Amino acid sequence: MAETKSTIKYEPLYISLFRTIYQHPIISAAFLCFFCITVTTNGSDGKITYLSLITPSIGIILLGIFAGLYTMHEKKNKLLSFGIMLSGVAAAAVFCLLTYFKGGYAYHLLNVGLGVITAVFIYLGVTNQLTVRNFILLIMAAGFLIRLCFILSIPITYMQHDVRSIGSGSGHIGYMEYFIQNKALPDMDVRTVYQFYHPPLHHILAAIWVSFQTLLKVEYTSAFENVQLLTLFYSTLCMILSYKIFRQLKLERIALVAATAVIAFCPTFYILAGSINNDILSITFMLGAILNTIYWYKHRKMKHIIFIALCIGLGMSTKLSAWMVAPPVAFIFIYAFIKNMLDKNNRNFKKYFIQYITFLVICVPLGLWWSVRNYFSHGVPFGYVLELSQNSKQYIGDIPVMQRLFDFSPYQFRDVGLQCALFDSNEYNECNPLIALFKTAMFDEAVAVRNFANIGGLDAMLFWSAVVIGLIGFAAMIFALFKKKTIPDMPMKIFIVILYAVFFLSYYIFCLKFQHVCTQNIRYAVPLMVIGAYFTGWTIQNLMHEDAKKWQRFCGSLICGLVTLYAVSGIAVYDIVFLDLARWIP
């Protein structure tokens, strides 16, 4: 019997909004980042505009109205409904007052925003609507908010890597300006201008974005500041892609929540959201290649081969280190081909041959065109990397290799934020690559440029919780490799282990070949954190299954508590950083 108008149940706008985000997360993230241009575009004096105050305030109020109307629609307590709506208005008012009178725009936006997210979390819990998907959506909303607040706090001349300044003619900003001014590829030996040796995809996209803004009469300086909206989008994509990877590798329930939280609240992705160099775009492509390899392994469809090829090729057109996802992908290709050839009843040589040729036709030109062009035009060696002088303050080549690899002396942990003599008054240079990996993952190289005295012990709490999570993830990966009856299956386990080994070994080789502190940065090995987050979730899932013993559930709960400690301490540390930066950045 056909439904009549009286029997059709219309879902509330609140639920429709959530469903749209679930179904189209990447498009939703793109619209959200573009919308943020009203928040990030400041006046010529660098101060906050009224538009920047009004926009997030309207968002806070609308969120409160949505929640209140939904509660009223479902015939819940009307007093609660009006209370929720008024809370949204009050939160917006408090945000505007605090920001206007005390400054610290990002600091207040973060605290009010997290308060709203917490209120929604409590509301969903009280009304029995806190599903796993809703929980993860709130985690991603909080992760996005912190990333946004980071770019609001950090100008493009602070806490950057190899960027230089507008008008300098060199560095990543100079590279972008070259495309804005010349609308052509560099016609010189790219080794002669600082950072011009990098493949140009990220810089071309940034140049197009800046030019588009200037057409809309955005000031040139503000348009360059808004390049951080691109990197914010890429960092948000990394969060979404990581979540999709975890789901495809069969994480569920609290394990999926925990793994997603590790990435959503990982300070590396806050920092990369504000870093306008090419790192975060290349990482995004690498995660895209990993995800589509998992898709292809399950379904063997041509579209996934094309996406893998595009991700690797465009990743190498952004930064050559994207090649590192190719070896594990090649393993999956070879495994699938051999398995198919051994299947006498279902051999399909033609299908695999066409798919692999398609992959090579797309990936190889996209990945190698820049290196080939520079080699034949100016003799630039393949894989060329700029090497710093031994006279640099951050040179550590005079320290014996064995000491660098195995020295874990307590003095290296007396202040977990200390990393590089360029930024620290005590001339301390971290020389152990493994310690540096964790330090830079939590604080990069330049958070210690200021003495954040109010952090107290929160930085140590963040650092050591991350270390324990990393060790749990690594141990779980080794355990899973040798345990037969666990998810994922053995070929996918080998794929992940090869991926981990390639990035980890490449990172160490890079650190020992180019012997400066800056080479020991997590930005050269970010996929390691995604793998660690996955196996942390995998551990929780195996400890907290339905048939688990009490001690196993207890251990799983402890790991969940550790992830919570890591997330909360990280938010607290950067909340303080945002407030401190507002006091001294002009």
Protein backbone atom coordinates (compact mmCIF):
# COMPACT_ATOMS: atom_id res chain seq x y z
CA MET A 1 0.00 0.00 0.00
CA ALA A 2 1.38 3.39 -1.04
CA GLU A 3 2.22 5.83 1.70
CA THR A 4 -0.05 8.85 2.03
CA LYS A 5 1.07 12.31 3.12
CA SER A 6 -0.26 11.60 6.58
CA THR A 7 1.82 8.43 6.98
CA ILE A 8 5.12 9.75 5.63
CA LYS A 9 7.55 10.47 8.45
CA TYR A 10 9.83 13.40 7.79
CA GLU A 11 13.15 13.24 9.58
CA PRO A 12 14.27 16.35 11.45
CA LEU A 13 16.75 18.71 9.80
CA TYR A 14 19.19 17.82 12.60
CA ILE A 15 19.29 14.17 11.51
CA SER A 16 19.44 15.09 7.81
CA LEU A 17 22.51 17.24 8.48
CA PHE A 18 24.32 14.41 10.24
CA ARG A 19 23.40 11.93 7.50
CA THR A 20 24.68 14.28 4.78
CA ILE A 21 28.03 14.61 6.54
CA TYR A 22 28.28 10.82 6.93
CA GLN A 23 27.55 10.21 3.27
CA HIS A 24 29.71 13.01 1.84
CA PRO A 25 32.49 13.71 4.36
CA ILE A 26 35.04 15.03 1.88
CA ILE A 27 32.59 17.42 0.20
CA SER A 28 31.37 18.52 3.64
CA ALA A 29 34.96 19.17 4.74
CA ALA A 30 35.63 21.19 1.57
CA PHE A 31 32.56 23.40 2.12
CA LEU A 32 33.44 23.86 5.78
CA CYS A 33 37.01 24.92 4.99
CA PHE A 34 35.82 27.32 2.29
CA PHE A 35 33.29 28.78 4.73
CA CYS A 36 36.14 29.42 7.16
CA ILE A 37 37.55 32.11 4.84
CA THR A 38 35.21 34.54 6.60
CA VAL A 39 36.90 33.66 9.90
CA THR A 40 40.51 33.62 8.73
CA THR A 41 40.50 36.77 6.59
CA ASN A 42 41.53 39.63 8.88
CA GLY A 43 41.93 43.35 8.25
CA SER A 44 45.00 45.10 6.87
CA ASP A 45 46.22 45.71 10.42
CA GLY A 46 46.13 41.98 11.10
CA LYS A 47 43.38 42.38 13.71
CA ILE A 48 40.11 40.51 13.92
CA THR A 49 37.26 41.88 11.82
CA TYR A 50 33.66 41.98 12.98
CA LEU A 51 32.90 39.38 10.31
CA SER A 52 35.37 37.04 11.99
CA LEU A 53 33.50 37.47 15.25
CA ILE A 54 30.01 37.17 13.81
CA THR A 55 30.54 34.07 11.65
CA PRO A 56 31.47 31.53 14.35
CA SER A 57 28.90 33.12 16.66
CA ILE A 58 26.14 32.47 14.12
CA GLY A 59 27.39 28.91 13.77
CA ILE A 60 27.25 28.36 17.54
CA ILE A 61 23.74 29.83 17.74
CA LEU A 62 22.47 27.73 14.81
CA LEU A 63 23.90 24.58 16.36
CA GLY A 64 22.01 25.34 19.57
CA ILE A 65 18.80 26.03 17.62
CA PHE A 66 19.12 22.78 15.64
CA ALA A 67 19.56 20.77 18.84
CA GLY A 68 16.71 22.59 20.59
CA LEU A 69 14.26 22.23 17.69
CA TYR A 70 15.08 18.56 17.36
CA THR A 71 14.40 18.02 21.06
CA MET A 72 11.09 19.86 20.73
CA HIS A 73 10.16 17.94 17.56
CA GLU A 74 10.67 14.64 19.34
CA LYS A 75 8.35 15.88 22.13
CA LYS A 76 11.08 15.94 24.72
CA ASN A 77 11.15 18.34 27.63
CA LYS A 78 10.33 21.81 26.21
CA LEU A 79 12.24 23.50 28.99
CA LEU A 80 15.31 21.52 27.92
CA SER A 81 14.71 22.59 24.30
CA PHE A 82 14.65 26.30 25.11
CA GLY A 83 17.57 25.86 27.47
CA ILE A 84 19.67 24.36 24.67
CA MET A 85 18.78 27.20 22.29
CA LEU A 86 19.53 29.87 24.88
CA SER A 87 22.82 28.15 25.69
CA GLY A 88 23.87 28.55 22.06
CA VAL A 89 23.11 32.28 22.18
CA ALA A 90 24.90 32.63 25.53
CA ALA A 91 27.96 30.73 24.27
CA ALA A 92 28.18 33.00 21.23
CA ALA A 93 27.87 36.11 23.41
CA VAL A 94 30.55 34.91 25.81
CA PHE A 95 32.85 34.13 22.87
CA CYS A 96 32.41 37.63 21.38
CA LEU A 97 32.92 39.41 24.70
CA LEU A 98 36.01 37.43 25.67
CA THR A 99 37.55 37.85 22.24
CA TYR A 100 36.80 41.55 21.94
CA PHE A 101 38.00 42.54 25.40
CA LYS A 102 40.80 40.05 26.04
CA GLY A 103 42.01 39.01 22.59
CA GLY A 104 43.12 35.44 22.03
CA TYR A 105 40.54 34.77 19.31
CA ALA A 106 41.57 31.17 18.68
CA TYR A 107 41.84 30.44 22.39
CA HIS A 108 38.25 31.54 23.06
CA LEU A 109 36.90 29.92 19.89
CA LEU A 110 38.46 26.62 20.92
CA ASN A 111 37.09 26.70 24.45
CA VAL A 112 33.57 27.79 23.50
CA GLY A 113 33.54 25.35 20.57
CA LEU A 114 34.70 22.44 22.71
CA GLY A 115 32.05 23.42 25.26
CA VAL A 116 29.35 23.23 22.59
CA ILE A 117 30.67 19.87 21.33
CA THR A 118 30.70 18.55 24.91
CA ALA A 119 27.12 19.73 25.41
CA VAL A 120 26.05 17.94 22.22
CA PHE A 121 27.90 14.83 23.40
CA ILE A 122 26.04 14.88 26.72
CA TYR A 123 22.73 15.57 24.99
CA LEU A 124 23.17 12.62 22.61
CA GLY A 125 24.10 10.41 25.53
CA VAL A 126 21.07 11.45 27.61
CA THR A 127 18.71 10.93 24.64
CA ASN A 128 20.26 7.54 23.72
CA GLN A 129 21.52 8.78 20.35
CA LEU A 130 25.25 8.49 20.98
CA THR A 131 25.97 5.91 18.30
CA VAL A 132 29.51 5.05 17.22
CA ARG A 133 29.08 7.20 14.11
CA ASN A 134 27.80 10.17 16.13
CA PHE A 135 30.66 9.77 18.59
CA ILE A 136 33.20 9.75 15.77
CA LEU A 137 31.56 12.75 14.10
CA LEU A 138 31.93 14.73 17.34
CA ILE A 139 35.57 13.64 17.63
CA MET A 140 36.21 14.81 14.07
CA ALA A 141 34.40 18.09 14.78
CA ALA A 142 36.68 18.68 17.76
CA GLY A 143 39.73 17.69 15.69
CA PHE A 144 38.72 20.11 12.95
CA LEU A 145 38.12 22.89 15.50
CA ILE A 146 41.62 22.54 16.97
CA ARG A 147 43.15 22.56 13.47
CA LEU A 148 41.19 25.72 12.64
CA CYS A 149 42.30 27.38 15.88
CA PHE A 150 45.90 26.48 15.10
CA ILE A 151 45.84 28.28 11.76
CA LEU A 152 44.12 31.24 13.41
CA SER A 153 46.99 31.39 15.91
CA ILE A 154 49.92 30.75 13.59
CA PRO A 155 50.78 33.23 10.81
CA ILE A 156 52.52 31.82 7.75
CA THR A 157 55.83 33.20 9.00
CA TYR A 158 55.78 31.30 12.34
CA MET A 159 56.36 27.63 13.14
CA GLN A 160 56.88 26.80 9.46
CA HIS A 161 59.38 24.68 7.57
CA ASP A 162 61.46 26.27 4.78
CA VAL A 163 58.76 28.85 3.98
CA ARG A 164 60.60 32.23 4.12
CA SER A 165 58.46 35.37 3.67
CA ILE A 166 56.32 37.13 1.09
CA GLY A 167 58.53 38.90 -1.43
CA SER A 168 61.68 36.97 -0.50
CA GLY A 169 61.78 35.18 -3.85
CA SER A 170 62.74 31.87 -2.23
CA GLY A 171 61.35 29.20 0.05
CA HIS A 172 57.87 27.75 -0.39
CA ILE A 173 56.26 31.20 -0.41
CA GLY A 174 58.69 32.37 -3.07
CA TYR A 175 57.90 29.25 -5.11
CA MET A 176 54.16 30.07 -4.94
CA GLU A 177 54.82 33.69 -5.88
CA TYR A 178 56.85 32.55 -8.87
CA PHE A 179 53.77 30.82 -10.29
CA ILE A 180 51.55 33.80 -9.47
CA GLN A 181 53.87 36.18 -11.30
CA ASN A 182 55.10 34.02 -14.19
CA LYS A 183 52.31 31.47 -14.69
CA ALA A 184 54.92 29.00 -15.88
CA LEU A 185 57.30 26.38 -14.53
CA PRO A 186 60.73 27.61 -13.33
CA ASP A 187 63.07 28.10 -16.30
CA MET A 188 66.26 27.89 -14.23
CA ASP A 189 68.28 25.21 -12.50
CA VAL A 190 65.94 24.55 -9.57
CA ARG A 191 68.92 23.91 -7.27
CA THR A 192 69.87 27.57 -7.44
CA VAL A 193 66.77 28.87 -5.61
CA TYR A 194 65.94 27.67 -2.11
CA GLN A 195 63.20 24.95 -2.14
CA PHE A 196 62.46 25.27 -5.87
CA TYR A 197 63.66 21.70 -6.41
CA HIS A 198 60.37 20.33 -5.03
CA PRO A 199 57.71 19.10 -7.49
CA PRO A 200 55.27 21.97 -8.01
CA LEU A 201 51.70 20.63 -7.59
CA HIS A 202 51.07 22.06 -4.11
CA HIS A 203 52.62 25.39 -5.03
CA ILE A 204 50.57 25.66 -8.24
CA LEU A 205 47.34 24.96 -6.33
CA ALA A 206 48.30 27.53 -3.69
CA ALA A 207 49.11 30.10 -6.40
CA ILE A 208 45.70 29.53 -8.03
CA TRP A 209 43.98 29.89 -4.65
CA VAL A 210 45.81 33.15 -3.85
CA SER A 211 45.06 34.55 -7.30
CA PHE A 212 41.38 33.63 -6.96
CA GLN A 213 41.17 35.48 -3.65
CA THR A 214 42.83 38.60 -5.02
CA LEU A 215 40.19 38.64 -7.78
CA LEU A 216 37.65 38.82 -4.95
CA LYS A 217 39.54 41.85 -3.57
CA VAL A 218 41.11 40.02 -0.64
CA GLU A 219 44.35 41.72 0.36
CA TYR A 220 47.46 39.98 -0.97
CA THR A 221 48.88 39.27 2.50
CA SER A 222 45.56 37.91 3.77
CA ALA A 223 45.22 35.79 0.62
CA PHE A 224 48.57 34.18 1.40
CA GLU A 225 47.54 33.63 5.01
CA ASN A 226 44.53 31.79 3.65
CA VAL A 227 46.77 29.22 1.99
CA GLN A 228 46.39 27.65 5.42
CA LEU A 229 42.79 26.89 4.47
CA LEU A 230 44.13 24.51 1.82
CA THR A 231 46.41 22.81 4.33
CA LEU A 232 43.52 22.77 6.83
CA PHE A 233 41.45 20.91 4.23
CA TYR A 234 44.26 18.44 3.54
CA SER A 235 44.75 17.78 7.26
CA THR A 236 41.01 17.23 7.66
CA LEU A 237 41.10 14.82 4.71
CA CYS A 238 43.85 12.88 6.49
CA MET A 239 41.51 12.48 9.46
CA ILE A 240 38.70 11.23 7.21
CA LEU A 241 40.95 8.91 5.18
CA SER A 242 42.44 7.44 8.35
CA TYR A 243 38.94 6.71 9.65
CA LYS A 244 38.04 5.01 6.36
CA ILE A 245 41.24 2.94 6.50
CA PHE A 246 40.39 1.81 10.04
CA ARG A 247 36.89 0.80 8.98
CA GLN A 248 38.12 -1.11 5.94
CA LEU A 249 40.56 -2.96 8.19
CA LYS A 250 37.58 -4.06 10.33
CA LEU A 251 37.87 -1.89 13.43
CA GLU A 252 34.51 -1.50 15.13
CA ARG A 253 32.80 0.19 18.07
CA ILE A 254 35.10 1.55 20.79
CA ALA A 255 38.22 0.34 18.92
CA LEU A 256 37.24 2.46 15.90
CA VAL A 257 36.51 5.42 18.16
CA ALA A 258 39.89 5.14 19.90
CA ALA A 259 41.91 4.79 16.69
CA THR A 260 40.12 7.77 15.12
CA ALA A 261 40.71 9.84 18.27
CA VAL A 262 44.47 9.15 18.12
CA ILE A 263 44.61 10.77 14.66
CA ALA A 264 41.97 13.48 15.28
CA PHE A 265 43.87 14.73 18.34
CA CYS A 266 47.40 14.14 17.08
CA PRO A 267 49.35 17.44 17.33
CA THR A 268 51.24 16.62 14.13
CA PHE A 269 48.06 17.15 12.16
CA TYR A 270 47.36 20.43 13.96
CA ILE A 271 50.83 21.64 13.01
CA LEU A 272 50.61 20.38 9.43
CA ALA A 273 47.22 22.11 9.07
CA GLY A 274 49.06 25.38 9.65
CA SER A 275 52.18 24.53 7.64
CA ILE A 276 51.94 25.87 4.10
CA ASN A 277 54.72 23.73 2.63
CA ASN A 278 54.00 20.61 0.59
CA ASP A 279 54.13 18.01 3.38
CA ILE A 280 50.46 17.64 4.23
CA LEU A 281 49.24 17.36 0.62
CA SER A 282 51.74 14.59 -0.11
CA ILE A 283 50.65 12.78 3.09
CA THR A 284 47.02 13.10 2.00
CA PHE A 285 47.81 11.45 -1.34
CA MET A 286 49.74 8.68 0.40
CA LEU A 287 46.80 7.89 2.70
CA GLY A 288 44.52 7.97 -0.35
CA ALA A 289 46.76 5.42 -2.08
CA ILE A 290 46.70 3.17 1.02
CA LEU A 291 42.90 3.32 1.28
CA ASN A 292 42.35 2.59 -2.40
CA THR A 293 44.81 -0.30 -2.27
CA ILE A 294 42.66 -1.85 0.46
CA TYR A 295 39.57 -1.23 -1.70
CA TRP A 296 41.24 -2.84 -4.70
CA TYR A 297 42.42 -5.84 -2.68
CA LYS A 298 38.80 -6.50 -1.74
CA HIS A 299 37.07 -5.75 -5.05
CA ARG A 300 39.71 -5.77 -7.87
CA LYS A 301 37.94 -2.94 -9.73
CA MET A 302 39.56 -0.73 -12.35
CA LYS A 303 38.41 2.49 -10.65
CA HIS A 304 40.48 1.67 -7.57
CA ILE A 305 43.57 1.00 -9.72
CA ILE A 306 43.07 4.42 -11.30
CA PHE A 307 42.73 6.09 -7.90
CA ILE A 308 45.87 4.36 -6.61
CA ALA A 309 47.81 5.51 -9.67
CA LEU A 310 46.51 9.07 -9.34
CA CYS A 311 47.29 9.21 -5.61
CA ILE A 312 50.87 7.96 -6.01
CA GLY A 313 51.51 9.99 -9.16
CA LEU A 314 50.02 13.23 -7.84
CA GLY A 315 51.70 12.58 -4.49
CA MET A 316 55.08 12.43 -6.25
CA SER A 317 54.12 15.58 -8.17
CA THR A 318 53.77 17.16 -4.73
CA LYS A 319 56.77 15.62 -2.97
CA LEU A 320 58.96 12.80 -4.25
CA SER A 321 58.82 10.92 -0.94
CA ALA A 322 55.31 9.77 -1.87
CA TRP A 323 57.08 6.91 -3.71
CA MET A 324 57.30 5.12 -0.35
CA VAL A 325 53.76 3.78 -0.63
CA ALA A 326 54.68 2.05 -3.91
CA PRO A 327 56.54 -1.03 -2.50
CA PRO A 328 53.64 -2.27 -0.31
CA VAL A 329 51.21 -1.54 -3.15
CA ALA A 330 53.42 -3.58 -5.48
CA PHE A 331 53.30 -6.46 -3.00
CA ILE A 332 49.48 -6.49 -3.10
CA PHE A 333 49.52 -6.35 -6.90
CA ILE A 334 51.97 -9.27 -7.14
CA TYR A 335 50.13 -11.32 -4.52
CA ALA A 336 46.75 -10.85 -6.22
CA PHE A 337 48.20 -11.73 -9.64
CA ILE A 338 49.93 -14.92 -8.43
CA LYS A 339 46.86 -16.03 -6.49
CA ASN A 340 44.69 -15.54 -9.57
CA MET A 341 47.09 -17.45 -11.81
CA LEU A 342 47.10 -20.38 -9.37
CA ASP A 343 43.31 -20.50 -9.42
CA LYS A 344 42.59 -22.94 -12.26
CA ASN A 345 38.86 -22.21 -12.22
CA ASN A 346 39.00 -18.44 -12.28
CA ARG A 347 42.11 -17.27 -14.09
CA ASN A 348 41.87 -13.86 -15.67
CA PHE A 349 45.27 -12.80 -16.99
CA LYS A 350 43.77 -10.19 -19.32
CA LYS A 351 41.95 -8.36 -16.52
CA TYR A 352 45.06 -7.98 -14.37
CA PHE A 353 47.31 -7.14 -17.32
CA ILE A 354 45.02 -4.29 -18.43
CA GLN A 355 44.70 -2.95 -14.89
CA TYR A 356 48.46 -3.00 -14.24
CA ILE A 357 49.24 -1.35 -17.57
CA THR A 358 46.64 1.32 -16.78
CA PHE A 359 48.34 1.89 -13.43
CA LEU A 360 51.76 2.33 -15.04
CA VAL A 361 50.46 4.60 -17.81
CA ILE A 362 48.92 6.96 -15.25
CA CYS A 363 51.36 6.73 -12.34
CA VAL A 364 54.78 6.77 -14.02
CA PRO A 365 54.38 10.00 -16.03
CA LEU A 366 52.71 11.80 -13.11
CA GLY A 367 55.35 10.62 -10.68
CA LEU A 368 58.52 11.14 -12.72
CA TRP A 369 57.85 14.02 -15.11
CA TRP A 370 59.39 16.64 -12.81
CA SER A 371 62.59 14.68 -12.19
CA VAL A 372 62.97 13.81 -15.88
CA ARG A 373 62.42 17.43 -16.93
CA ASN A 374 65.01 18.80 -14.52
CA TYR A 375 67.54 16.08 -15.33
CA PHE A 376 67.47 16.74 -19.08
CA SER A 377 67.19 20.53 -18.79
CA HIS A 378 69.82 21.21 -16.12
CA GLY A 379 71.32 17.89 -15.07
CA VAL A 380 69.57 17.77 -11.68
CA PRO A 381 70.11 14.25 -10.25
CA PHE A 382 67.07 12.05 -9.67
CA GLY A 383 65.95 12.27 -6.04
CA TYR A 384 67.97 15.44 -5.40
CA VAL A 385 67.58 16.77 -1.83
CA LEU A 386 69.07 20.02 -0.55
CA GLU A 387 71.86 19.36 1.97
CA LEU A 388 72.51 21.88 4.74
CA SER A 389 75.93 23.15 5.71
CA GLN A 390 77.97 21.49 8.45
CA ASN A 391 78.41 24.95 9.94
CA SER A 392 74.72 25.01 10.88
CA LYS A 393 73.85 25.15 14.59
CA GLN A 394 71.71 22.07 14.13
CA TYR A 395 74.46 19.89 12.63
CA ILE A 396 74.82 16.63 14.62
CA GLY A 397 77.12 14.65 12.30
CA ASP A 398 79.95 14.87 14.84
CA ILE A 399 78.01 12.60 17.24
CA PRO A 400 78.87 8.88 16.83
CA VAL A 401 76.22 6.84 15.02
CA MET A 402 75.90 4.26 17.82
CA GLN A 403 75.28 7.02 20.34
CA ARG A 404 72.62 8.54 18.11
CA LEU A 405 70.86 5.20 17.70
CA PHE A 406 71.01 3.85 21.24
CA ASP A 407 71.47 6.77 23.64
CA PHE A 408 68.30 7.11 25.73
CA SER A 409 69.89 9.00 28.61
CA PRO A 410 67.57 10.78 31.08
CA TYR A 411 68.93 14.21 30.15
CA GLN A 412 67.22 13.88 26.77
CA PHE A 413 63.85 13.76 28.52
CA ARG A 414 64.35 16.48 31.12
CA ASP A 415 62.21 18.73 28.93
CA VAL A 416 60.31 16.86 26.23
CA GLY A 417 59.72 20.08 24.30
CA LEU A 418 63.44 20.71 23.72
CA GLN A 419 64.48 19.73 20.23
CA CYS A 420 66.70 22.11 18.31
CA ALA A 421 69.40 24.65 19.20
CA LEU A 422 67.99 27.07 16.65
CA PHE A 423 65.00 27.62 18.91
CA ASP A 424 66.28 26.81 22.40
CA SER A 425 68.48 29.03 24.52
CA ASN A 426 70.36 26.09 26.05
CA GLU A 427 71.86 25.00 22.69
CA TYR A 428 70.41 21.50 23.03
CA ASN A 429 70.13 19.41 19.88
CA GLU A 430 68.19 16.16 19.92
CA CYS A 431 70.31 13.49 18.21
CA ASN A 432 68.35 10.24 18.70
CA PRO A 433 65.97 9.75 15.73
CA LEU A 434 63.46 7.69 17.72
CA ILE A 435 63.17 10.25 20.52
CA ALA A 436 63.00 13.04 17.95
CA LEU A 437 60.20 11.18 16.18
CA PHE A 438 57.99 11.38 19.27
CA LYS A 439 59.10 14.90 20.26
CA THR A 440 58.35 16.38 16.86
CA ALA A 441 55.10 14.41 16.61
CA MET A 442 53.85 16.21 19.72
CA PHE A 443 55.63 19.59 19.55
CA ASP A 444 57.35 19.89 16.16
CA GLU A 445 60.66 21.78 16.37
CA ALA A 446 59.44 25.24 17.21
CA VAL A 447 56.80 25.06 19.94
CA ALA A 448 59.71 25.52 22.35
CA VAL A 449 60.51 28.85 20.65
CA ARG A 450 58.67 30.36 23.61
CA ASN A 451 58.74 29.43 27.27
CA PHE A 452 55.19 28.25 27.84
CA ALA A 453 55.53 28.39 31.61
CA ASN A 454 51.85 27.72 32.26
CA ILE A 455 51.92 24.31 30.58
CA GLY A 456 53.28 22.72 33.74
CA GLY A 457 53.46 18.96 33.38
CA LEU A 458 50.89 18.70 30.58
CA ASP A 459 53.60 18.50 27.90
CA ALA A 460 55.20 15.52 29.66
CA MET A 461 51.78 13.90 30.05
CA LEU A 462 51.13 14.30 26.33
CA PHE A 463 54.58 13.07 25.34
CA TRP A 464 54.64 9.95 27.51
CA SER A 465 51.07 8.93 26.73
CA ALA A 466 51.99 9.16 23.02
CA VAL A 467 55.11 7.06 23.62
CA VAL A 468 53.12 4.32 25.37
CA ILE A 469 50.45 4.35 22.64
CA GLY A 470 53.18 4.10 20.00
CA LEU A 471 54.83 1.15 21.77
CA ILE A 472 51.47 -0.61 22.15
CA GLY A 473 50.78 -0.14 18.45
CA PHE A 474 54.20 -1.45 17.42
CA ALA A 475 53.99 -4.49 19.73
CA ALA A 476 50.47 -5.25 18.49
CA MET A 477 51.62 -5.10 14.87
CA ILE A 478 54.35 -7.67 15.51
CA PHE A 479 51.96 -9.86 17.50
CA ALA A 480 49.26 -9.67 14.79
CA LEU A 481 51.75 -10.65 12.09
CA PHE A 482 52.43 -13.99 13.77
CA LYS A 483 48.89 -14.66 15.00
CA LYS A 484 47.01 -16.56 12.30
CA LYS A 485 43.33 -16.19 13.17
CA THR A 486 42.96 -12.44 13.47
CA ILE A 487 41.80 -9.63 11.27
CA PRO A 488 43.01 -8.41 8.86
CA ASP A 489 44.06 -11.44 6.80
CA MET A 490 47.71 -12.32 6.26
CA PRO A 491 48.30 -10.54 2.90
CA MET A 492 46.89 -7.32 4.34
CA LYS A 493 49.02 -7.72 7.47
CA ILE A 494 52.12 -8.09 5.29
CA PHE A 495 51.03 -5.02 3.31
CA ILE A 496 50.85 -2.97 6.52
CA VAL A 497 54.17 -4.31 7.85
CA ILE A 498 55.94 -3.52 4.55
CA LEU A 499 54.41 -0.04 4.65
CA TYR A 500 55.67 0.44 8.20
CA ALA A 501 59.13 -0.95 7.39
CA VAL A 502 59.58 1.26 4.31
CA PHE A 503 58.70 4.46 6.16
CA PHE A 504 60.62 3.57 9.32
CA LEU A 505 63.81 2.47 7.55
CA SER A 506 63.66 5.36 5.08
CA TYR A 507 63.31 7.75 8.00
CA TYR A 508 66.39 6.33 9.74
CA ILE A 509 68.44 6.28 6.52
CA PHE A 510 67.44 9.89 5.87
CA CYS A 511 68.43 10.88 9.43
CA LEU A 512 71.85 9.23 9.14
CA LYS A 513 72.56 10.53 5.65
CA PHE A 514 71.51 14.15 6.24
CA GLN A 515 72.84 14.76 9.74
CA HIS A 516 70.89 17.73 10.98
CA VAL A 517 68.17 17.99 13.61
CA CYS A 518 65.56 19.05 11.06
CA THR A 519 65.82 15.71 9.22
CA GLN A 520 64.55 13.91 12.34
CA ASN A 521 61.05 15.33 11.97
CA ILE A 522 57.89 13.22 12.03
CA ARG A 523 56.72 14.96 8.85
CA TYR A 524 58.93 12.54 6.91
CA ALA A 525 57.17 9.50 8.39
CA VAL A 526 53.57 10.49 9.23
CA PRO A 527 51.94 7.24 7.99
CA LEU A 528 53.69 5.48 10.89
CA MET A 529 51.24 7.22 13.24
CA VAL A 530 48.23 6.02 11.26
CA ILE A 531 49.53 2.45 11.44
CA GLY A 532 50.21 2.84 15.16
CA ALA A 533 46.70 4.23 15.72
CA TYR A 534 45.20 1.30 13.83
CA PHE A 535 47.01 -1.32 15.89
CA THR A 536 46.16 0.51 19.11
CA GLY A 537 42.50 0.16 18.11
CA TRP A 538 43.16 -3.44 17.04
CA THR A 539 44.51 -4.18 20.53
CA ILE A 540 41.43 -2.68 22.19
CA GLN A 541 39.16 -4.69 19.89
CA ASN A 542 40.93 -7.95 20.71
CA LEU A 543 40.88 -7.25 24.44
CA MET A 544 37.26 -6.13 24.67
CA HIS A 545 35.38 -8.64 22.52
CA GLU A 546 32.27 -10.36 23.82
CA ASP A 547 34.05 -13.47 25.09
CA ALA A 548 36.96 -11.61 26.69
CA LYS A 549 37.92 -12.26 30.28
CA LYS A 550 37.67 -9.60 32.95
CA TRP A 551 41.41 -8.88 33.00
CA GLN A 552 41.39 -8.46 29.21
CA ARG A 553 38.51 -5.99 29.37
CA PHE A 554 40.30 -4.17 32.16
CA CYS A 555 43.46 -3.86 30.03
CA GLY A 556 41.38 -2.65 27.09
CA SER A 557 39.75 -0.06 29.31
CA LEU A 558 43.18 1.12 30.48
CA ILE A 559 44.26 1.66 26.86
CA CYS A 560 41.04 3.59 26.18
CA GLY A 561 41.83 5.70 29.25
CA LEU A 562 45.34 6.27 27.94
CA VAL A 563 43.97 7.48 24.59
CA THR A 564 41.64 9.82 26.49
CA LEU A 565 44.58 11.16 28.53
CA TYR A 566 46.58 11.69 25.32
CA ALA A 567 43.70 13.56 23.65
CA VAL A 568 42.83 15.75 26.64
CA SER A 569 46.45 16.64 27.46
CA GLY A 570 47.11 17.50 23.81
CA ILE A 571 44.08 19.79 23.69
CA ALA A 572 45.13 21.43 26.95
CA VAL A 573 48.72 22.00 25.81
CA TYR A 574 47.69 23.66 22.55
CA ASP A 575 44.92 25.61 24.24
CA ILE A 576 47.64 27.22 26.38
CA VAL A 577 49.84 27.66 23.30
CA PHE A 578 47.05 29.51 21.50
CA LEU A 579 46.60 31.90 24.42
CA ASP A 580 50.35 32.48 24.73
CA LEU A 581 50.77 33.09 21.00
CA ALA A 582 48.00 35.70 21.11
CA ARG A 583 50.07 37.67 23.62
CA TRP A 584 53.31 37.92 21.67
CA ILE A 585 52.68 37.47 17.94
CA PRO A 586 52.20 40.96 16.49
